[in-house]
Amino acid sequence: MKTVLAITLIAVLTSCATPPREVGNKRAEAIRDIRSAEEAAIRAFGKRDAGQSASMYAPDATLMLTNMPSVTGAEIGPLLKQMMADPNFAMTFNTAKIEAPISGEFGYTRGAYTMTMTDPKSKKILRESGKYLTAYARQADGSWKIVDDINNPDAPASPVALAK
């Protein structure tokens, strides 16, 4: 009788257990959406549109550029505006990888960049090449925003020889 009671108890208890919630595979959709967000950010940088570029960042995002402290949230827009006000500013990107987990809630891009700018001290035009890693997260409204953005130069920026 004890065996029957034990088996019945186990059967009752296991039938009451909630099965694990199945997570749908949203990886492909996330990668597609991140690619779209990355392309929009690249276009905004290419047009030197500081407002549109800043709008690609989440309100609590962090931007980590070479030779300066991290910039967060509302500080990102003014920094981008200052950078893009330089008449020699230009930035190009070559995205090498876009990745996201099955949950599709976040992801990242990785690639190479080239930035041209005027050195504020020497007034020389400099070019910097390096690599970047940008983390994206799906926002409450379904959009994708940059939450962390970091670059790392391959070498110090070097003067650009102007064509004559």
Protein backbone atom coordinates (compact mmCIF):
# COMPACT_ATOMS: atom_id res chain seq x y z
CA MET A 1 0.00 0.00 0.00
CA LYS A 2 2.87 2.36 0.79
CA THR A 3 4.29 1.85 -2.73
CA VAL A 4 0.93 2.65 -4.38
CA LEU A 5 0.57 5.76 -2.20
CA ALA A 6 4.11 6.92 -3.02
CA ILE A 7 3.61 6.40 -6.76
CA THR A 8 0.26 8.22 -6.64
CA LEU A 9 1.82 11.12 -4.72
CA ILE A 10 4.69 11.40 -7.19
CA ALA A 11 2.26 11.28 -10.11
CA VAL A 12 0.09 14.01 -8.60
CA LEU A 13 3.03 16.26 -7.73
CA THR A 14 4.70 15.95 -11.12
CA SER A 15 1.45 16.55 -13.00
CA CYS A 16 1.05 19.86 -11.13
CA ALA A 17 4.47 21.10 -12.12
CA THR A 18 4.45 23.84 -14.71
CA PRO A 19 6.45 22.86 -17.75
CA PRO A 20 9.35 25.20 -18.53
CA ARG A 21 8.35 28.12 -20.69
CA GLU A 22 9.62 27.56 -24.17
CA VAL A 23 11.64 30.45 -25.53
CA GLY A 24 11.09 30.99 -29.21
CA ASN A 25 14.14 31.25 -31.40
CA LYS A 26 14.27 34.97 -32.17
CA ARG A 27 17.95 35.03 -33.16
CA ALA A 28 17.46 35.50 -36.92
CA GLU A 29 14.92 38.29 -36.37
CA ALA A 30 17.24 40.02 -33.88
CA ILE A 31 20.21 39.81 -36.24
CA ARG A 32 18.09 41.28 -39.05
CA ASP A 33 16.88 44.13 -36.81
CA ILE A 34 20.36 44.83 -35.42
CA ARG A 35 21.75 44.92 -38.98
CA SER A 36 19.08 47.48 -39.87
CA ALA A 37 19.87 49.60 -36.78
CA GLU A 38 23.61 49.38 -37.51
CA GLU A 39 23.09 50.47 -41.13
CA ALA A 40 20.98 53.43 -39.97
CA ALA A 41 23.69 54.46 -37.50
CA ILE A 42 26.37 54.18 -40.20
CA ARG A 43 24.29 56.34 -42.58
CA ALA A 44 23.80 58.97 -39.85
CA PHE A 45 27.56 59.09 -39.16
CA GLY A 46 28.23 59.25 -42.90
CA LYS A 47 25.92 62.26 -43.24
CA ARG A 48 27.51 63.84 -40.14
CA ASP A 49 24.04 64.07 -38.61
CA ALA A 50 24.77 64.37 -34.88
CA GLY A 51 21.09 64.44 -33.87
CA GLN A 52 20.20 61.31 -35.80
CA SER A 53 23.42 59.62 -34.64
CA ALA A 54 22.66 60.44 -30.99
CA SER A 55 19.10 59.09 -31.40
CA MET A 56 20.58 55.65 -32.17
CA TYR A 57 21.79 55.42 -28.52
CA ALA A 58 19.61 54.30 -25.60
CA PRO A 59 19.05 56.93 -22.88
CA ASP A 60 21.49 55.13 -20.55
CA ALA A 61 24.04 54.17 -23.23
CA THR A 62 27.80 54.48 -22.81
CA LEU A 63 30.14 55.63 -25.57
CA MET A 64 33.82 54.83 -25.07
CA LEU A 65 36.15 56.63 -27.49
CA THR A 66 39.92 56.72 -27.70
CA ASN A 67 41.84 59.00 -25.32
CA MET A 68 38.84 60.29 -23.40
CA PRO A 69 36.62 59.27 -20.49
CA SER A 70 33.42 57.34 -21.15
CA VAL A 71 30.43 59.45 -22.11
CA THR A 72 26.94 58.38 -21.05
CA GLY A 73 23.32 59.17 -21.77
CA ALA A 74 22.57 62.80 -22.54
CA GLU A 75 26.30 63.61 -22.86
CA ILE A 76 26.54 61.58 -26.09
CA GLY A 77 24.61 64.04 -28.29
CA PRO A 78 26.74 67.11 -27.51
CA LEU A 79 29.95 65.11 -27.98
CA LEU A 80 28.82 63.84 -31.39
CA LYS A 81 27.76 67.37 -32.37
CA GLN A 82 31.20 68.69 -31.44
CA MET A 83 32.98 65.90 -33.34
CA MET A 84 30.82 66.30 -36.44
CA ALA A 85 31.22 70.10 -36.48
CA ASP A 86 34.84 69.51 -37.53
CA PRO A 87 34.86 70.14 -41.31
CA ASN A 88 37.36 67.30 -41.71
CA PHE A 89 35.34 64.77 -39.73
CA ALA A 90 34.50 61.59 -41.59
CA MET A 91 33.88 58.09 -40.35
CA THR A 92 33.48 54.85 -42.23
CA PHE A 93 32.62 51.41 -40.90
CA ASN A 94 33.01 47.87 -42.13
CA THR A 95 30.77 45.55 -40.10
CA ALA A 96 32.35 42.10 -39.94
CA LYS A 97 29.98 40.30 -37.56
CA ILE A 98 26.49 40.62 -36.13
CA GLU A 99 25.47 38.23 -33.37
CA ALA A 100 22.50 37.67 -31.03
CA PRO A 101 21.35 34.88 -28.70
CA ILE A 102 18.24 32.77 -29.29
CA SER A 103 16.19 35.03 -26.98
CA GLY A 104 16.66 37.96 -29.37
CA GLU A 105 16.70 40.61 -26.67
CA PHE A 106 20.20 41.94 -27.30
CA GLY A 107 23.13 41.48 -29.63
CA TYR A 108 26.29 43.06 -30.91
CA THR A 109 28.17 44.15 -33.98
CA ARG A 110 31.91 44.04 -34.52
CA GLY A 111 34.01 45.51 -37.27
CA ALA A 112 36.59 48.02 -38.40
CA TYR A 113 36.39 51.80 -38.68
CA THR A 114 38.37 54.67 -40.13
CA MET A 115 37.94 58.15 -38.70
CA THR A 116 39.35 61.39 -40.09
CA MET A 117 39.39 64.51 -37.91
CA THR A 118 41.31 67.67 -37.12
CA ASP A 119 43.71 67.52 -34.19
CA PRO A 120 42.56 70.36 -31.91
CA LYS A 121 46.15 71.09 -30.79
CA SER A 122 48.18 70.86 -34.00
CA LYS A 123 45.30 71.61 -36.41
CA LYS A 124 46.61 68.78 -38.61
CA ILE A 125 44.20 66.43 -40.28
CA LEU A 126 44.56 62.98 -38.73
CA ARG A 127 43.29 59.55 -39.67
CA GLU A 128 42.70 56.75 -37.19
CA SER A 129 41.88 53.16 -38.08
CA GLY A 130 40.79 50.51 -35.64
CA LYS A 131 38.11 48.11 -34.55
CA TYR A 132 34.84 48.53 -32.72
CA LEU A 133 32.29 46.57 -30.73
CA THR A 134 28.75 47.89 -30.38
CA ALA A 135 26.13 46.29 -28.13
CA TYR A 136 22.46 46.71 -29.02
CA ALA A 137 19.37 46.01 -26.91
CA ARG A 138 15.72 45.80 -27.86
CA GLN A 139 13.85 48.68 -26.26
CA ALA A 140 10.37 48.58 -24.71
CA ASP A 141 8.90 50.04 -27.93
CA GLY A 142 10.52 47.25 -30.00
CA SER A 143 13.24 49.44 -31.50
CA TRP A 144 16.93 48.59 -31.25
CA LYS A 145 19.30 51.07 -29.62
CA ILE A 146 23.00 51.11 -28.90
CA VAL A 147 23.66 50.49 -25.20
CA ASP A 148 27.47 50.22 -25.25
CA ASP A 149 29.82 51.42 -27.96
CA ILE A 150 33.60 51.11 -27.82
CA ASN A 151 36.40 51.57 -30.29
CA ASN A 152 40.05 50.65 -30.16
CA PRO A 153 42.61 52.13 -32.58
CA ASP A 154 45.13 49.88 -34.29
CA ALA A 155 47.79 52.59 -33.86
CA PRO A 156 47.93 56.28 -32.99
CA ALA A 157 46.18 58.56 -35.49
CA SER A 158 48.52 59.66 -38.23
CA PRO A 159 48.62 62.82 -40.35
CA VAL A 160 46.79 62.68 -43.67
CA ALA A 161 48.78 63.70 -46.72
CA LEU A 162 46.63 66.10 -48.68
CA ALA A 163 46.37 65.55 -52.44
CA LYS A 164 47.77 68.41 -54.52
